[in-house]
Structure formats: structure tokens, C-alpha cells
């Protein structure tokens, strides 16, 4: 049964994609392709938005979603061999307990968060326990963009027009979140953290030639912060491989069983820039219930 989220814009869009909420339709789609299965995760909007500022409601939604996905995997193992948990980041423990429950008790292969938590960036100190816990658990974090029409494109406006917030904003939002995790030294502190980014890594693959050489000069354009000292203090001095150096094809540090274009991060931690990382071949040799790159319909 479809229950309206009460949220505009992306809430409207999600409700109009039947495969996101009608299991029978989704099963038919999967069966229309040979040797195909899907790793489940919750779609937009974020649980924090559904909870409308109430951490208890966000936690309840997370438990219902995680339990529901685990149930679907148990009922349809050939169609849904695994699922990705959803972390409620507004709880007092930033969702650590529910994430551990979903992974340890329900069998989730990792967890999903969004690029911001009710407008707060992921590098805020209050979210540090979550990243520490995920490094200890050793499972990957999927990061999905979360940006709405409430985020204006220009300072003198109150909203984003023409769905720019989605068409362009999600890619920017994703890349900004990735950059904040790097320059805040979140990845320095957690070198074994595994992160998989939705929608093909945002702008990073497309703008590598600008981002790499540009951030080589971090601090040259800023007068009120000492970003030069920050750059020199990082364990690696560039966000991504510069265009002057070929980007290697490596195996991701996440659960992906096939090579992918992994753009730079710190030490052994690498970003896996899969579009959605939810679909797998059901009977391909050597591939079990782990996600691989697949271009799904845009939400």
C-alpha cells in the first residue's frame, strides 16, 4: 500500500514511479532480464525529512524500512539477494545502534546515508561516532544526494527553479559532501572507511581536470582561512588524481566484485563512483550477493 509522504517535489516523483513501491511490478521487471537481481535500498526522501524533525519517528521509519527489506530478501532471495540498511542520523547515537542491528541481526551488507542531515554537513563533529562505528564494522557506506527546491540557485531567491536543484544540484551536492569529508580529515582519521557514492560520483569524474589541479592550489584563492596549511597537513595533498596523471582502474575497497574507476581518496580508502550500486547479475560466475555498477532509472 502506498502512503503519501506529505513531502513535495521528490516525494511527488517517488510516488509516481511504481517500481519503487509496488513489489509485484519490480519482480516482473527483474524477471524480464536474464540472470538479473537487485540489492535493495530505500529511495528518497531521507528518513530525517519524513520524520519532520522528530528523531524518534526517523528511527521508527528506519526500523520499519530495514525490517521490510530484510523480509523481502528472505521471501525473494533470487530476486533480492541482499539489502543496504538505512541509518537514521538524527538519533542521539547518530543511528549507530540501528545500523549495527540491521547489519549484525538482519544481514545488511552496509548502510545508506544522505549528503546532508536536515541541512547539516556530514563532517560535523556530532556525526563522527557514525563514521568511527562504520570503520570498525568494516561495511561500506552508500551516500545518496539530498537536495530540494528549498535550496535556491541565487541568493535573492527563495527556491530553486526549473528543477535545477535535481538536474544539477544533486551532482554538486554529492561532490561537495565528498570534499567536506576529505578536507575535514574525516578520511584521515578513518583510513579504512569504505564509501560508495550514488549517481556516478557527482561532478568529480567529469571535472577531474579542474578539481585536481585546482585543489593542488588550495588556499591561493582564500584570504580569511589558512587553507594552505590545511592542504599541507593532509595525509595526501590532492582530493583526486590530477588530469596530469592517468586515473587508475582499481578494485574498490567496498563490496564490489568487479573493477571500477575509483577516483582518489586517502591511503587505502577509495571512492567507488557507481551510479546506484544496487543491481547485480544473478548467476554470473564468481559474483554473489554483492552490488555492481548499474545505470538505473533516474529518480
Protein backbone atom coordinates (compact mmCIF):
# COMPACT_ATOMS: atom_id res chain seq x y z
CA UNK A 1 0.00 0.00 0.00
CA UNK A 2 1.32 3.42 -0.97
CA UNK A 3 1.18 6.05 1.78
CA UNK A 4 1.80 9.64 0.74
CA UNK A 5 4.89 11.13 2.33
CA UNK A 6 3.38 14.59 2.55
CA UNK A 7 6.60 15.94 1.08
CA UNK A 8 6.57 17.96 -2.16
CA UNK A 9 8.85 17.65 -5.19
CA UNK A 10 10.88 14.45 -4.74
CA UNK A 11 8.04 12.97 -2.70
CA UNK A 12 5.80 13.52 -5.71
CA UNK A 13 8.36 12.00 -8.06
CA UNK A 14 8.92 8.86 -5.97
CA UNK A 15 5.19 8.20 -5.64
CA UNK A 16 4.88 8.28 -9.43
CA UNK A 17 7.48 5.52 -10.02
CA UNK A 18 5.50 2.32 -9.36
CA UNK A 19 8.53 0.02 -9.17
CA UNK A 20 9.69 1.87 -6.06
CA UNK A 21 6.66 0.90 -4.03
CA UNK A 22 4.97 -1.99 -5.87
CA UNK A 23 6.89 -5.22 -5.30
CA UNK A 24 4.94 -7.16 -7.95
CA UNK A 25 5.93 -4.65 -10.63
CA UNK A 26 9.54 -4.77 -9.51
CA UNK A 27 9.58 -8.57 -9.62
CA UNK A 28 8.22 -8.51 -13.17
CA UNK A 29 10.92 -6.06 -14.22
CA UNK A 30 13.66 -8.25 -12.74
CA UNK A 31 12.23 -11.36 -14.41
CA UNK A 32 12.25 -9.59 -17.79
CA UNK A 33 16.07 -9.74 -17.79
CA UNK A 34 18.10 -12.97 -17.74
CA UNK A 35 20.33 -13.67 -14.74
CA UNK A 36 19.43 -10.39 -13.05
CA UNK A 37 18.80 -9.46 -9.41
CA UNK A 38 18.76 -6.34 -7.26
CA UNK A 39 20.28 -5.27 -3.97
CA UNK A 40 17.60 -3.25 -2.18
CA UNK A 41 17.92 0.17 -0.57
CA UNK A 42 15.39 2.79 0.44
CA UNK A 43 14.73 5.59 -2.09
CA UNK A 44 14.34 9.28 -1.45
CA UNK A 45 13.28 11.24 0.54
CA UNK A 46 15.57 10.94 3.60
CA UNK A 47 14.09 9.46 6.75
CA UNK A 48 15.06 12.63 8.61
CA UNK A 49 12.75 14.59 6.29
CA UNK A 50 9.95 12.05 6.69
CA UNK A 51 10.34 12.34 10.44
CA UNK A 52 9.86 16.11 10.14
CA UNK A 53 12.49 16.84 12.77
CA UNK A 54 11.43 14.10 15.20
CA UNK A 55 14.35 11.69 15.85
CA UNK A 56 12.00 9.08 17.30
CA UNK A 57 9.92 9.00 14.12
CA UNK A 58 13.05 8.81 11.96
CA UNK A 59 14.24 5.82 13.98
CA UNK A 60 10.85 4.14 13.68
CA UNK A 61 10.89 4.62 9.91
CA UNK A 62 14.41 3.17 9.76
CA UNK A 63 13.38 0.07 11.70
CA UNK A 64 10.32 -0.46 9.50
CA UNK A 65 12.38 0.03 6.34
CA UNK A 66 15.24 -2.23 7.44
CA UNK A 67 12.92 -4.95 8.69
CA UNK A 68 10.88 -4.72 5.50
CA UNK A 69 13.89 -5.03 3.19
CA UNK A 70 15.22 -7.98 5.20
CA UNK A 71 11.82 -9.64 4.89
CA UNK A 72 11.75 -9.10 1.13
CA UNK A 73 15.23 -10.61 0.79
CA UNK A 74 14.17 -13.66 2.79
CA UNK A 75 10.99 -14.05 0.74
CA UNK A 76 12.58 -13.46 -2.69
CA UNK A 77 16.25 -14.47 -2.36
CA UNK A 78 16.71 -14.98 -6.11
CA UNK A 79 15.38 -11.51 -6.88
CA UNK A 80 16.74 -9.66 -3.83
CA UNK A 81 19.86 -11.46 -2.51
CA UNK A 82 20.86 -8.59 -0.20
CA UNK A 83 19.90 -5.15 1.06
CA UNK A 84 21.50 -1.91 2.20
CA UNK A 85 20.31 -0.62 5.57
CA UNK A 86 19.18 2.95 6.21
CA UNK A 87 20.77 4.90 9.05
CA UNK A 88 18.66 7.44 10.99
CA UNK A 89 21.28 10.13 11.55
CA UNK A 90 19.18 12.33 13.86
CA UNK A 91 19.05 9.87 16.74
CA UNK A 92 21.13 10.57 19.83
CA UNK A 93 23.73 7.97 18.77
CA UNK A 94 23.55 9.14 15.10
CA UNK A 95 21.97 5.84 14.13
CA UNK A 96 24.81 3.57 15.23
CA UNK A 97 22.61 1.13 17.19
CA UNK A 98 20.07 0.71 14.38
CA UNK A 99 22.82 0.33 11.80
CA UNK A 100 24.53 -2.35 13.87
CA UNK A 101 21.20 -4.13 14.34
CA UNK A 102 20.49 -4.09 10.61
CA UNK A 103 23.94 -5.40 9.74
CA UNK A 104 24.52 -7.88 12.56
CA UNK A 105 20.99 -9.21 13.03
CA UNK A 106 19.26 -8.63 9.68
CA UNK A 107 22.22 -9.23 7.38
CA UNK A 108 22.50 -5.85 5.65
CA UNK A 109 25.67 -5.54 3.55
CA UNK A 110 26.20 -1.90 4.53
CA UNK A 111 24.17 1.21 5.13
CA UNK A 112 22.96 4.30 3.32
CA UNK A 113 23.05 7.92 4.43
CA UNK A 114 22.46 11.18 2.60
CA UNK A 115 24.75 14.06 1.70
CA UNK A 116 23.33 16.20 4.48
CA UNK A 117 21.26 15.67 7.60
CA UNK A 118 18.48 18.23 7.72
CA UNK A 119 20.86 20.71 6.11
CA UNK A 120 23.88 19.84 8.27
CA UNK A 121 27.07 18.67 6.53
CA UNK A 122 28.36 15.19 7.23
CA UNK A 123 31.66 16.45 8.63
CA UNK A 124 30.04 17.99 11.72
CA UNK A 125 31.53 16.54 14.96
CA UNK A 126 28.14 15.19 16.00
CA UNK A 127 28.28 12.64 13.17
CA UNK A 128 31.82 11.46 13.97
CA UNK A 129 30.66 8.42 16.03
CA UNK A 130 28.83 7.07 12.99
CA UNK A 131 31.93 7.08 10.79
CA UNK A 132 34.03 5.58 13.58
CA UNK A 133 31.48 2.80 14.02
CA UNK A 134 31.32 2.04 10.29
CA UNK A 135 35.10 1.81 10.05
CA UNK A 136 35.05 -0.66 12.95
CA UNK A 137 32.22 -2.68 11.43
CA UNK A 138 34.05 -2.78 8.11
CA UNK A 139 30.96 -2.43 5.93
CA UNK A 140 30.52 0.28 3.28
CA UNK A 141 28.51 3.48 3.47
CA UNK A 142 26.39 4.43 0.48
CA UNK A 143 25.96 8.21 0.15
CA UNK A 144 22.93 9.48 -1.78
CA UNK A 145 22.38 13.16 -2.66
CA UNK A 146 19.69 15.04 -0.75
CA UNK A 147 18.86 18.49 -2.09
CA UNK A 148 15.42 20.03 -2.58
CA UNK A 149 13.85 23.01 -4.27
CA UNK A 150 14.18 24.89 -0.97
CA UNK A 151 17.87 25.35 -1.77
CA UNK A 152 17.88 28.42 -4.09
CA UNK A 153 20.24 28.81 -7.01
CA UNK A 154 20.67 32.54 -6.32
CA UNK A 155 20.87 34.46 -3.05
CA UNK A 156 17.93 36.77 -3.77
CA UNK A 157 15.53 33.87 -4.45
CA UNK A 158 13.73 31.54 -2.07
CA UNK A 159 13.74 28.34 -4.12
CA UNK A 160 15.46 26.60 -6.99
CA UNK A 161 13.66 26.96 -10.31
CA UNK A 162 13.11 24.53 -13.18
CA UNK A 163 14.22 21.51 -11.12
CA UNK A 164 17.80 22.76 -11.25
CA UNK A 165 18.05 21.53 -7.65
CA UNK A 166 17.81 17.97 -9.03
CA UNK A 167 19.30 18.10 -12.55
CA UNK A 168 22.44 19.99 -11.47
CA UNK A 169 22.11 20.29 -7.72
CA UNK A 170 22.37 16.61 -6.86
CA UNK A 171 25.69 16.27 -8.66
CA UNK A 172 27.06 19.35 -6.91
CA UNK A 173 25.65 18.26 -3.54
CA UNK A 174 27.30 14.86 -3.86
CA UNK A 175 30.70 16.29 -4.75
CA UNK A 176 30.52 18.91 -2.01
CA UNK A 177 29.80 16.22 0.59
CA UNK A 178 32.74 14.17 -0.64
CA UNK A 179 35.05 17.18 -0.48
CA UNK A 180 33.94 18.03 3.04
CA UNK A 181 34.74 14.51 4.24
CA UNK A 182 38.22 14.85 2.75
CA UNK A 183 39.14 18.35 3.92
CA UNK A 184 37.62 17.85 7.38
CA UNK A 185 40.11 14.97 7.72
CA UNK A 186 37.29 12.50 8.33
CA UNK A 187 39.05 10.13 5.94
CA UNK A 188 42.42 10.83 7.51
CA UNK A 189 41.02 9.76 10.87
CA UNK A 190 39.36 6.68 9.37
CA UNK A 191 41.68 5.36 6.64
CA UNK A 192 39.79 2.07 6.33
CA UNK A 193 36.37 3.67 5.86
CA UNK A 194 34.54 2.34 2.80
CA UNK A 195 32.33 4.78 0.90
CA UNK A 196 30.26 4.21 -2.25
CA UNK A 197 28.77 7.29 -3.90
CA UNK A 198 25.49 7.20 -5.80
CA UNK A 199 24.99 8.71 -9.25
CA UNK A 200 28.48 8.09 -10.57
CA UNK A 201 30.41 10.17 -8.08
CA UNK A 202 28.71 13.51 -8.70
CA UNK A 203 30.79 16.00 -10.64
CA UNK A 204 34.16 14.51 -9.76
CA UNK A 205 34.64 12.20 -12.78
CA UNK A 206 33.50 14.93 -15.20
CA UNK A 207 35.54 17.74 -13.64
CA UNK A 208 38.63 15.80 -12.64
CA UNK A 209 40.83 18.00 -14.82
CA UNK A 210 39.60 21.09 -12.97
CA UNK A 211 39.28 19.71 -9.46
CA UNK A 212 42.67 18.01 -9.35
CA UNK A 213 44.91 20.89 -10.46
CA UNK A 214 42.57 23.42 -8.80
CA UNK A 215 42.81 21.91 -5.34
CA UNK A 216 46.53 21.45 -5.81
CA UNK A 217 46.44 25.23 -5.20
CA UNK A 218 44.06 25.09 -2.23
CA UNK A 219 44.39 28.34 -0.27
CA UNK A 220 45.51 30.50 -3.19
CA UNK A 221 42.01 31.98 -3.54
CA UNK A 222 41.11 32.41 0.15
CA UNK A 223 42.04 35.35 2.37
CA UNK A 224 40.34 34.61 5.69
CA UNK A 225 41.31 30.93 6.18
CA UNK A 226 44.72 29.24 6.10
CA UNK A 227 43.85 26.52 3.63
CA UNK A 228 47.48 26.25 2.56
CA UNK A 229 48.36 24.88 5.99
CA UNK A 230 45.34 22.58 5.81
CA UNK A 231 46.43 21.22 2.43
CA UNK A 232 49.95 20.57 3.68
CA UNK A 233 48.64 18.83 6.80
CA UNK A 234 46.55 16.31 4.89
CA UNK A 235 47.94 12.82 4.55
CA UNK A 236 47.51 13.21 0.81
CA UNK A 237 47.63 16.62 -0.83
CA UNK A 238 45.01 16.15 -3.53
CA UNK A 239 41.34 15.25 -3.50
CA UNK A 240 41.55 13.32 -6.75
CA UNK A 241 44.14 12.27 -9.26
CA UNK A 242 45.12 15.31 -11.31
CA UNK A 243 44.49 15.35 -15.05
CA UNK A 244 48.26 15.29 -15.42
CA UNK A 245 48.23 11.71 -14.13
CA UNK A 246 46.15 8.91 -15.60
CA UNK A 247 43.33 7.71 -13.35
CA UNK A 248 43.94 4.04 -12.48
CA UNK A 249 41.36 1.30 -12.75
CA UNK A 250 41.39 -0.50 -9.41
CA UNK A 251 39.23 -2.67 -7.29
CA UNK A 252 37.10 -0.64 -4.92
CA UNK A 253 37.61 -1.08 -1.21
CA UNK A 254 33.85 -1.64 -0.93
CA UNK A 255 31.99 -4.90 -1.62
CA UNK A 256 32.06 -4.55 -5.41
CA UNK A 257 33.24 -7.75 -7.11
CA UNK A 258 34.33 -6.10 -10.37
CA UNK A 259 36.90 -3.36 -11.13
CA UNK A 260 35.57 0.18 -11.33
CA UNK A 261 37.04 3.62 -11.89
CA UNK A 262 37.97 4.57 -8.34
CA UNK A 263 38.82 8.24 -8.01
CA UNK A 264 41.20 9.34 -5.37
CA UNK A 265 40.84 9.35 -1.66
CA UNK A 266 43.24 8.88 1.22
CA UNK A 267 45.58 5.96 1.64
CA UNK A 268 43.72 2.66 1.17
CA UNK A 269 40.26 4.23 1.29
CA UNK A 270 38.81 4.81 -2.18
CA UNK A 271 35.62 6.29 -3.51
CA UNK A 272 33.58 3.90 -5.64
CA UNK A 273 31.70 6.04 -8.13
CA UNK A 274 28.90 3.65 -9.06
CA UNK A 275 25.64 5.20 -10.34
CA UNK A 276 23.48 3.44 -7.77
CA UNK A 277 25.24 0.18 -6.88
CA UNK A 278 22.02 -1.74 -6.45
CA UNK A 279 21.86 -4.24 -9.31
CA UNK A 280 23.73 -7.49 -9.86
CA UNK A 281 23.79 -10.38 -12.27
CA UNK A 282 22.02 -13.27 -10.63
CA UNK A 283 24.09 -16.19 -11.97
CA UNK A 284 27.31 -14.61 -13.21
CA UNK A 285 30.35 -16.74 -12.32
CA UNK A 286 32.09 -15.65 -9.13
CA UNK A 287 29.58 -12.96 -8.22
CA UNK A 288 27.41 -13.45 -5.18
CA UNK A 289 25.06 -11.13 -3.33
CA UNK A 290 27.12 -8.02 -3.86
CA UNK A 291 26.28 -4.93 -5.90
CA UNK A 292 27.89 -3.86 -9.15
CA UNK A 293 27.57 -0.77 -11.29
CA UNK A 294 24.23 -0.44 -13.00
CA UNK A 295 22.53 2.56 -14.52
CA UNK A 296 19.05 2.62 -13.03
CA UNK A 297 16.22 4.96 -13.88
CA UNK A 298 16.80 8.46 -12.53
CA UNK A 299 14.76 9.42 -9.50
